[in-house]
PDB file of all heavy atoms in Angstrom:
ATOM      1  N   MET A   1     -39.187 -54.613  38.447  1.00  0.00           N
ATOM      2  CA  MET A   1     -38.591 -54.271  39.730  1.00  0.00           C
ATOM      3  C   MET A   1     -39.704 -53.745  40.646  1.00  0.00           C
ATOM      4  O   MET A   1     -40.532 -52.950  40.232  1.00  0.00           O
ATOM      5  CB  MET A   1     -37.514 -53.210  39.507  1.00  0.00           C
ATOM      6  CG  MET A   1     -36.625 -53.015  40.690  1.00  0.00           C
ATOM      7  SD  MET A   1     -35.289 -51.801  40.514  1.00  0.00           S
ATOM      8  CE  MET A   1     -34.460 -52.268  39.037  1.00  0.00           C
ATOM      9  N   SER A   2     -39.683 -54.170  41.865  1.00  0.00           N
ATOM     10  CA  SER A   2     -40.756 -53.784  42.788  1.00  0.00           C
ATOM     11  C   SER A   2     -40.634 -52.317  43.200  1.00  0.00           C
ATOM     12  O   SER A   2     -39.546 -51.731  43.198  1.00  0.00           O
ATOM     13  CB  SER A   2     -40.720 -54.672  44.032  1.00  0.00           C
ATOM     14  OG  SER A   2     -39.695 -54.259  44.909  1.00  0.00           O
ATOM     15  N   ALA A   3     -41.763 -51.742  43.557  1.00  0.00           N
ATOM     16  CA  ALA A   3     -41.800 -50.340  43.981  1.00  0.00           C
ATOM     17  C   ALA A   3     -40.932 -50.120  45.217  1.00  0.00           C
ATOM     18  O   ALA A   3     -40.282 -49.072  45.350  1.00  0.00           O
ATOM     19  CB  ALA A   3     -43.243 -49.914  44.244  1.00  0.00           C
ATOM     20  N   ALA A   4     -40.913 -51.104  46.117  1.00  0.00           N
ATOM     21  CA  ALA A   4     -40.102 -50.967  47.337  1.00  0.00           C
ATOM     22  C   ALA A   4     -38.610 -50.931  46.996  1.00  0.00           C
ATOM     23  O   ALA A   4     -37.857 -50.131  47.574  1.00  0.00           O
ATOM     24  CB  ALA A   4     -40.402 -52.114  48.302  1.00  0.00           C
ATOM     25  N   LEU A   5     -38.188 -51.766  46.066  1.00  0.00           N
ATOM     26  CA  LEU A   5     -36.777 -51.788  45.684  1.00  0.00           C
ATOM     27  C   LEU A   5     -36.387 -50.483  44.978  1.00  0.00           C
ATOM     28  O   LEU A   5     -35.318 -49.925  45.238  1.00  0.00           O
ATOM     29  CB  LEU A   5     -36.487 -52.989  44.774  1.00  0.00           C
ATOM     30  CG  LEU A   5     -35.035 -53.155  44.328  1.00  0.00           C
ATOM     31  CD1 LEU A   5     -34.101 -53.274  45.524  1.00  0.00           C
ATOM     32  CD2 LEU A   5     -34.901 -54.366  43.420  1.00  0.00           C
ATOM     33  N   ILE A   6     -37.260 -49.987  44.126  1.00  0.00           N
ATOM     34  CA  ILE A   6     -36.998 -48.715  43.444  1.00  0.00           C
ATOM     35  C   ILE A   6     -36.883 -47.586  44.471  1.00  0.00           C
ATOM     36  O   ILE A   6     -35.972 -46.756  44.395  1.00  0.00           O
ATOM     37  CB  ILE A   6     -38.099 -48.411  42.407  1.00  0.00           C
ATOM     38  CG1 ILE A   6     -38.034 -49.420  41.260  1.00  0.00           C
ATOM     39  CG2 ILE A   6     -37.964 -46.991  41.871  1.00  0.00           C
ATOM     40  CD1 ILE A   6     -39.220 -49.352  40.316  1.00  0.00           C
ATOM     41  N   ALA A   7     -37.801 -47.567  45.435  1.00  0.00           N
ATOM     42  CA  ALA A   7     -37.760 -46.528  46.480  1.00  0.00           C
ATOM     43  C   ALA A   7     -36.459 -46.631  47.269  1.00  0.00           C
ATOM     44  O   ALA A   7     -35.813 -45.606  47.549  1.00  0.00           O
ATOM     45  CB  ALA A   7     -38.966 -46.668  47.407  1.00  0.00           C
ATOM     46  N   TRP A   8     -36.064 -47.844  47.619  1.00  0.00           N
ATOM     47  CA  TRP A   8     -34.832 -48.048  48.376  1.00  0.00           C
ATOM     48  C   TRP A   8     -33.621 -47.545  47.583  1.00  0.00           C
ATOM     49  O   TRP A   8     -32.762 -46.836  48.133  1.00  0.00           O
ATOM     50  CB  TRP A   8     -34.673 -49.525  48.731  1.00  0.00           C
ATOM     51  CG  TRP A   8     -33.403 -49.821  49.452  1.00  0.00           C
ATOM     52  CD1 TRP A   8     -33.125 -49.577  50.760  1.00  0.00           C
ATOM     53  CD2 TRP A   8     -32.222 -50.399  48.880  1.00  0.00           C
ATOM     54  NE1 TRP A   8     -31.841 -49.975  51.041  1.00  0.00           N
ATOM     55  CE2 TRP A   8     -31.262 -50.487  49.916  1.00  0.00           C
ATOM     56  CE3 TRP A   8     -31.885 -50.861  47.622  1.00  0.00           C
ATOM     57  CZ2 TRP A   8     -29.992 -51.005  49.702  1.00  0.00           C
ATOM     58  CZ3 TRP A   8     -30.616 -51.378  47.409  1.00  0.00           C
ATOM     59  CH2 TRP A   8     -29.686 -51.442  48.450  1.00  0.00           C
ATOM     60  N   LEU A   9     -33.551 -47.894  46.300  1.00  0.00           N
ATOM     61  CA  LEU A   9     -32.438 -47.426  45.461  1.00  0.00           C
ATOM     62  C   LEU A   9     -32.428 -45.899  45.366  1.00  0.00           C
ATOM     63  O   LEU A   9     -31.367 -45.273  45.371  1.00  0.00           O
ATOM     64  CB  LEU A   9     -32.530 -48.042  44.067  1.00  0.00           C
ATOM     65  CG  LEU A   9     -32.222 -49.534  43.972  1.00  0.00           C
ATOM     66  CD1 LEU A   9     -32.562 -50.066  42.585  1.00  0.00           C
ATOM     67  CD2 LEU A   9     -30.772 -49.813  44.325  1.00  0.00           C
ATOM     68  N   HIS A  10     -33.610 -45.317  45.288  1.00  0.00           N
ATOM     69  CA  HIS A  10     -33.725 -43.855  45.241  1.00  0.00           C
ATOM     70  C   HIS A  10     -33.160 -43.244  46.530  1.00  0.00           C
ATOM     71  O   HIS A  10     -32.374 -42.294  46.482  1.00  0.00           O
ATOM     72  CB  HIS A  10     -35.198 -43.477  45.042  1.00  0.00           C
ATOM     73  CG  HIS A  10     -35.446 -42.039  44.775  1.00  0.00           C
ATOM     74  ND1 HIS A  10     -34.995 -41.387  43.640  1.00  0.00           N
ATOM     75  CD2 HIS A  10     -36.121 -41.090  45.484  1.00  0.00           C
ATOM     76  CE1 HIS A  10     -35.375 -40.128  43.665  1.00  0.00           C
ATOM     77  NE2 HIS A  10     -36.062 -39.923  44.782  1.00  0.00           N
ATOM     78  N   TYR A  11     -33.535 -43.798  47.667  1.00  0.00           N
ATOM     79  CA  TYR A  11     -33.053 -43.280  48.953  1.00  0.00           C
ATOM     80  C   TYR A  11     -31.546 -43.466  49.110  1.00  0.00           C
ATOM     81  O   TYR A  11     -30.860 -42.576  49.626  1.00  0.00           O
ATOM     82  CB  TYR A  11     -33.783 -43.938  50.125  1.00  0.00           C
ATOM     83  CG  TYR A  11     -35.263 -43.664  50.152  1.00  0.00           C
ATOM     84  CD1 TYR A  11     -36.161 -44.636  50.574  1.00  0.00           C
ATOM     85  CD2 TYR A  11     -35.793 -42.443  49.746  1.00  0.00           C
ATOM     86  CE1 TYR A  11     -37.529 -44.399  50.602  1.00  0.00           C
ATOM     87  CE2 TYR A  11     -37.152 -42.198  49.767  1.00  0.00           C
ATOM     88  CZ  TYR A  11     -38.016 -43.181  50.189  1.00  0.00           C
ATOM     89  OH  TYR A  11     -39.358 -42.933  50.207  1.00  0.00           O
ATOM     90  N   VAL A  12     -31.035 -44.609  48.670  1.00  0.00           N
ATOM     91  CA  VAL A  12     -29.586 -44.842  48.751  1.00  0.00           C
ATOM     92  C   VAL A  12     -28.846 -43.824  47.887  1.00  0.00           C
ATOM     93  O   VAL A  12     -27.853 -43.223  48.320  1.00  0.00           O
ATOM     94  CB  VAL A  12     -29.225 -46.289  48.337  1.00  0.00           C
ATOM     95  CG1 VAL A  12     -27.726 -46.453  48.135  1.00  0.00           C
ATOM     96  CG2 VAL A  12     -29.739 -47.282  49.375  1.00  0.00           C
ATOM     97  N   ALA A  13     -29.336 -43.597  46.668  1.00  0.00           N
ATOM     98  CA  ALA A  13     -28.704 -42.618  45.772  1.00  0.00           C
ATOM     99  C   ALA A  13     -28.751 -41.220  46.391  1.00  0.00           C
ATOM    100  O   ALA A  13     -27.773 -40.461  46.304  1.00  0.00           O
ATOM    101  CB  ALA A  13     -29.378 -42.639  44.400  1.00  0.00           C
ATOM    102  N   LEU A  14     -29.868 -40.877  47.032  1.00  0.00           N
ATOM    103  CA  LEU A  14     -29.976 -39.578  47.703  1.00  0.00           C
ATOM    104  C   LEU A  14     -28.953 -39.464  48.834  1.00  0.00           C
ATOM    105  O   LEU A  14     -28.309 -38.419  48.997  1.00  0.00           O
ATOM    106  CB  LEU A  14     -31.390 -39.378  48.257  1.00  0.00           C
ATOM    107  CG  LEU A  14     -32.480 -39.080  47.231  1.00  0.00           C
ATOM    108  CD1 LEU A  14     -33.858 -39.263  47.847  1.00  0.00           C
ATOM    109  CD2 LEU A  14     -32.311 -37.684  46.673  1.00  0.00           C
ATOM    110  N   CYS A  15     -28.807 -40.526  49.610  1.00  0.00           N
ATOM    111  CA  CYS A  15     -27.836 -40.517  50.715  1.00  0.00           C
ATOM    112  C   CYS A  15     -26.411 -40.362  50.192  1.00  0.00           C
ATOM    113  O   CYS A  15     -25.616 -39.600  50.754  1.00  0.00           O
ATOM    114  CB  CYS A  15     -27.959 -41.798  51.546  1.00  0.00           C
ATOM    115  SG  CYS A  15     -29.459 -41.876  52.529  1.00  0.00           S
ATOM    116  N   VAL A  16     -26.094 -41.078  49.127  1.00  0.00           N
ATOM    117  CA  VAL A  16     -24.752 -40.973  48.537  1.00  0.00           C
ATOM    118  C   VAL A  16     -24.533 -39.554  48.023  1.00  0.00           C
ATOM    119  O   VAL A  16     -23.478 -38.949  48.277  1.00  0.00           O
ATOM    120  CB  VAL A  16     -24.553 -42.015  47.411  1.00  0.00           C
ATOM    121  CG1 VAL A  16     -23.274 -41.747  46.627  1.00  0.00           C
ATOM    122  CG2 VAL A  16     -24.541 -43.423  47.985  1.00  0.00           C
ATOM    123  N   LEU A  17     -25.518 -39.014  47.320  1.00  0.00           N
ATOM    124  CA  LEU A  17     -25.398 -37.665  46.766  1.00  0.00           C
ATOM    125  C   LEU A  17     -25.102 -36.653  47.872  1.00  0.00           C
ATOM    126  O   LEU A  17     -24.151 -35.872  47.777  1.00  0.00           O
ATOM    127  CB  LEU A  17     -26.679 -37.297  46.018  1.00  0.00           C
ATOM    128  CG  LEU A  17     -26.645 -36.010  45.204  1.00  0.00           C
ATOM    129  CD1 LEU A  17     -27.507 -36.171  43.963  1.00  0.00           C
ATOM    130  CD2 LEU A  17     -27.143 -34.844  46.004  1.00  0.00           C
ATOM    131  N   PHE A  18     -25.888 -36.676  48.929  1.00  0.00           N
ATOM    132  CA  PHE A  18     -25.678 -35.706  50.008  1.00  0.00           C
ATOM    133  C   PHE A  18     -24.346 -35.957  50.723  1.00  0.00           C
ATOM    134  O   PHE A  18     -23.628 -35.002  51.053  1.00  0.00           O
ATOM    135  CB  PHE A  18     -26.837 -35.728  51.008  1.00  0.00           C
ATOM    136  CG  PHE A  18     -26.791 -34.571  51.962  1.00  0.00           C
ATOM    137  CD1 PHE A  18     -27.048 -33.283  51.531  1.00  0.00           C
ATOM    138  CD2 PHE A  18     -26.476 -34.762  53.292  1.00  0.00           C
ATOM    139  CE1 PHE A  18     -26.991 -32.194  52.398  1.00  0.00           C
ATOM    140  CE2 PHE A  18     -26.412 -33.689  54.175  1.00  0.00           C
ATOM    141  CZ  PHE A  18     -26.679 -32.406  53.727  1.00  0.00           C
ATOM    142  N   SER A  19     -24.012 -37.204  50.953  1.00  0.00           N
ATOM    143  CA  SER A  19     -22.742 -37.531  51.622  1.00  0.00           C
ATOM    144  C   SER A  19     -21.548 -37.018  50.828  1.00  0.00           C
ATOM    145  O   SER A  19     -20.594 -36.478  51.407  1.00  0.00           O
ATOM    146  CB  SER A  19     -22.606 -39.043  51.812  1.00  0.00           C
ATOM    147  OG  SER A  19     -23.624 -39.525  52.634  1.00  0.00           O
ATOM    148  N   VAL A  20     -21.607 -37.166  49.526  1.00  0.00           N
ATOM    149  CA  VAL A  20     -20.496 -36.704  48.687  1.00  0.00           C
ATOM    150  C   VAL A  20     -20.426 -35.177  48.695  1.00  0.00           C
ATOM    151  O   VAL A  20     -19.332 -34.602  48.740  1.00  0.00           O
ATOM    152  CB  VAL A  20     -20.611 -37.272  47.254  1.00  0.00           C
ATOM    153  CG1 VAL A  20     -19.597 -36.636  46.326  1.00  0.00           C
ATOM    154  CG2 VAL A  20     -20.429 -38.783  47.269  1.00  0.00           C
ATOM    155  N   LEU A  21     -21.580 -34.519  48.662  1.00  0.00           N
ATOM    156  CA  LEU A  21     -21.574 -33.053  48.761  1.00  0.00           C
ATOM    157  C   LEU A  21     -20.920 -32.596  50.056  1.00  0.00           C
ATOM    158  O   LEU A  21     -20.093 -31.673  50.063  1.00  0.00           O
ATOM    159  CB  LEU A  21     -22.997 -32.504  48.693  1.00  0.00           C
ATOM    160  CG  LEU A  21     -23.600 -32.274  47.325  1.00  0.00           C
ATOM    161  CD1 LEU A  21     -25.062 -31.866  47.457  1.00  0.00           C
ATOM    162  CD2 LEU A  21     -22.815 -31.234  46.561  1.00  0.00           C
ATOM    163  N   VAL A  22     -21.271 -33.239  51.154  1.00  0.00           N
ATOM    164  CA  VAL A  22     -20.686 -32.887  52.449  1.00  0.00           C
ATOM    165  C   VAL A  22     -19.186 -33.164  52.443  1.00  0.00           C
ATOM    166  O   VAL A  22     -18.388 -32.334  52.900  1.00  0.00           O
ATOM    167  CB  VAL A  22     -21.394 -33.641  53.602  1.00  0.00           C
ATOM    168  CG1 VAL A  22     -20.635 -33.473  54.912  1.00  0.00           C
ATOM    169  CG2 VAL A  22     -22.829 -33.167  53.745  1.00  0.00           C
ATOM    170  N   ALA A  23     -18.784 -34.306  51.888  1.00  0.00           N
ATOM    171  CA  ALA A  23     -17.355 -34.645  51.830  1.00  0.00           C
ATOM    172  C   ALA A  23     -16.586 -33.629  50.995  1.00  0.00           C
ATOM    173  O   ALA A  23     -15.508 -33.167  51.401  1.00  0.00           O
ATOM    174  CB  ALA A  23     -17.171 -36.044  51.255  1.00  0.00           C
ATOM    175  N   GLU A  24     -17.131 -33.253  49.842  1.00  0.00           N
ATOM    176  CA  GLU A  24     -16.460 -32.245  49.016  1.00  0.00           C
ATOM    177  C   GLU A  24     -16.328 -30.929  49.782  1.00  0.00           C
ATOM    178  O   GLU A  24     -15.275 -30.287  49.747  1.00  0.00           O
ATOM    179  CB  GLU A  24     -17.249 -31.988  47.727  1.00  0.00           C
ATOM    180  CG  GLU A  24     -17.016 -32.998  46.648  1.00  0.00           C
ATOM    181  CD  GLU A  24     -17.701 -32.629  45.342  1.00  0.00           C
ATOM    182  OE1 GLU A  24     -18.460 -31.645  45.285  1.00  0.00           O
ATOM    183  OE2 GLU A  24     -17.453 -33.341  44.355  1.00  0.00           O
ATOM    184  N   HIS A  25     -17.394 -30.558  50.467  1.00  0.00           N
ATOM    185  CA  HIS A  25     -17.377 -29.306  51.223  1.00  0.00           C
ATOM    186  C   HIS A  25     -16.326 -29.338  52.330  1.00  0.00           C
ATOM    187  O   HIS A  25     -15.572 -28.377  52.525  1.00  0.00           O
ATOM    188  CB  HIS A  25     -18.765 -29.042  51.811  1.00  0.00           C
ATOM    189  CG  HIS A  25     -18.850 -27.765  52.575  1.00  0.00           C
ATOM    190  ND1 HIS A  25     -18.700 -27.718  53.942  1.00  0.00           N
ATOM    191  CD2 HIS A  25     -19.058 -26.497  52.173  1.00  0.00           C
ATOM    192  CE1 HIS A  25     -18.807 -26.461  54.336  1.00  0.00           C
ATOM    193  NE2 HIS A  25     -19.042 -25.700  53.292  1.00  0.00           N
ATOM    194  N   LEU A  26     -16.274 -30.444  53.062  1.00  0.00           N
ATOM    195  CA  LEU A  26     -15.320 -30.553  54.171  1.00  0.00           C
ATOM    196  C   LEU A  26     -13.876 -30.638  53.691  1.00  0.00           C
ATOM    197  O   LEU A  26     -12.975 -30.099  54.338  1.00  0.00           O
ATOM    198  CB  LEU A  26     -15.656 -31.767  55.039  1.00  0.00           C
ATOM    199  CG  LEU A  26     -16.957 -31.673  55.835  1.00  0.00           C
ATOM    200  CD1 LEU A  26     -17.246 -32.998  56.523  1.00  0.00           C
ATOM    201  CD2 LEU A  26     -16.909 -30.530  56.833  1.00  0.00           C
ATOM    202  N   LEU A  27     -13.653 -31.304  52.566  1.00  0.00           N
ATOM    203  CA  LEU A  27     -12.294 -31.482  52.067  1.00  0.00           C
ATOM    204  C   LEU A  27     -11.793 -30.301  51.249  1.00  0.00           C
ATOM    205  O   LEU A  27     -10.588 -30.114  51.103  1.00  0.00           O
ATOM    206  CB  LEU A  27     -12.208 -32.742  51.194  1.00  0.00           C
ATOM    207  CG  LEU A  27     -12.333 -34.074  51.913  1.00  0.00           C
ATOM    208  CD1 LEU A  27     -12.389 -35.213  50.902  1.00  0.00           C
ATOM    209  CD2 LEU A  27     -11.177 -34.270  52.879  1.00  0.00           C
ATOM    210  N   PHE A  28     -12.701 -29.507  50.717  1.00  0.00           N
ATOM    211  CA  PHE A  28     -12.316 -28.466  49.774  1.00  0.00           C
ATOM    212  C   PHE A  28     -11.320 -27.479  50.386  1.00  0.00           C
ATOM    213  O   PHE A  28     -11.465 -27.035  51.518  1.00  0.00           O
ATOM    214  CB  PHE A  28     -13.545 -27.686  49.287  1.00  0.00           C
ATOM    215  CG  PHE A  28     -13.174 -26.609  48.302  1.00  0.00           C
ATOM    216  CD1 PHE A  28     -12.929 -26.934  46.983  1.00  0.00           C
ATOM    217  CD2 PHE A  28     -13.037 -25.300  48.698  1.00  0.00           C
ATOM    218  CE1 PHE A  28     -12.561 -25.965  46.074  1.00  0.00           C
ATOM    219  CE2 PHE A  28     -12.672 -24.309  47.797  1.00  0.00           C
ATOM    220  CZ  PHE A  28     -12.436 -24.646  46.482  1.00  0.00           C
ATOM    221  N   ASP A  29     -10.307 -27.190  49.598  1.00  0.00           N
ATOM    222  CA  ASP A  29      -9.327 -26.165  49.932  1.00  0.00           C
ATOM    223  C   ASP A  29      -8.960 -25.484  48.618  1.00  0.00           C
ATOM    224  O   ASP A  29      -8.718 -26.167  47.620  1.00  0.00           O
ATOM    225  CB  ASP A  29      -8.086 -26.789  50.582  1.00  0.00           C
ATOM    226  CG  ASP A  29      -7.133 -25.755  51.156  1.00  0.00           C
ATOM    227  OD1 ASP A  29      -7.327 -24.553  50.923  1.00  0.00           O
ATOM    228  OD2 ASP A  29      -6.180 -26.165  51.841  1.00  0.00           O
ATOM    229  N   ASP A  30      -8.919 -24.165  48.611  1.00  0.00           N
ATOM    230  CA  ASP A  30      -8.634 -23.470  47.354  1.00  0.00           C
ATOM    231  C   ASP A  30      -7.199 -23.690  46.882  1.00  0.00           C
ATOM    232  O   ASP A  30      -6.899 -23.492  45.709  1.00  0.00           O
ATOM    233  CB  ASP A  30      -8.977 -21.984  47.446  1.00  0.00           C
ATOM    234  CG  ASP A  30      -8.258 -21.265  48.564  1.00  0.00           C
ATOM    235  OD1 ASP A  30      -7.955 -21.903  49.585  1.00  0.00           O
ATOM    236  OD2 ASP A  30      -8.014 -20.057  48.411  1.00  0.00           O
ATOM    237  N   MET A  31      -6.315 -24.111  47.761  1.00  0.00           N
ATOM    238  CA  MET A  31      -4.950 -24.479  47.380  1.00  0.00           C
ATOM    239  C   MET A  31      -4.791 -25.980  47.639  1.00  0.00           C
ATOM    240  O   MET A  31      -4.299 -26.394  48.679  1.00  0.00           O
ATOM    241  CB  MET A  31      -3.933 -23.691  48.205  1.00  0.00           C
ATOM    242  CG  MET A  31      -3.977 -22.196  47.977  1.00  0.00           C
ATOM    243  SD  MET A  31      -3.447 -21.731  46.329  1.00  0.00           S
ATOM    244  CE  MET A  31      -1.704 -21.969  46.465  1.00  0.00           C
ATOM    245  N   ALA A  32      -5.238 -26.783  46.697  1.00  0.00           N
ATOM    246  CA  ALA A  32      -5.285 -28.233  46.889  1.00  0.00           C
ATOM    247  C   ALA A  32      -3.986 -28.894  46.454  1.00  0.00           C
ATOM    248  O   ALA A  32      -3.450 -28.610  45.380  1.00  0.00           O
ATOM    249  CB  ALA A  32      -6.452 -28.820  46.102  1.00  0.00           C
ATOM    250  N   SER A  33      -3.513 -29.790  47.292  1.00  0.00           N
ATOM    251  CA  SER A  33      -2.369 -30.614  46.908  1.00  0.00           C
ATOM    252  C   SER A  33      -2.811 -31.551  45.788  1.00  0.00           C
ATOM    253  O   SER A  33      -4.007 -31.680  45.504  1.00  0.00           O
ATOM    254  CB  SER A  33      -1.900 -31.442  48.105  1.00  0.00           C
ATOM    255  OG  SER A  33      -2.909 -32.390  48.454  1.00  0.00           O
ATOM    256  N   ALA A  34      -1.865 -32.216  45.175  1.00  0.00           N
ATOM    257  CA  ALA A  34      -2.194 -33.140  44.097  1.00  0.00           C
ATOM    258  C   ALA A  34      -3.129 -34.236  44.600  1.00  0.00           C
ATOM    259  O   ALA A  34      -4.108 -34.590  43.926  1.00  0.00           O
ATOM    260  CB  ALA A  34      -0.914 -33.752  43.521  1.00  0.00           C
ATOM    261  N   ALA A  35      -2.854 -34.747  45.784  1.00  0.00           N
ATOM    262  CA  ALA A  35      -3.700 -35.818  46.338  1.00  0.00           C
ATOM    263  C   ALA A  35      -5.125 -35.322  46.588  1.00  0.00           C
ATOM    264  O   ALA A  35      -6.097 -36.017  46.274  1.00  0.00           O
ATOM    265  CB  ALA A  35      -3.083 -36.351  47.631  1.00  0.00           C
TER     266      ALA A  35
END
């Protein structure tokens, strides 16, 4: 696998990781409905 493709996959994974953290933070409620 080329270095450029590995770097790209790394950046995509980083973006997903941060996006999910932000989504969890925004959606979080201490009294969560089932959904």
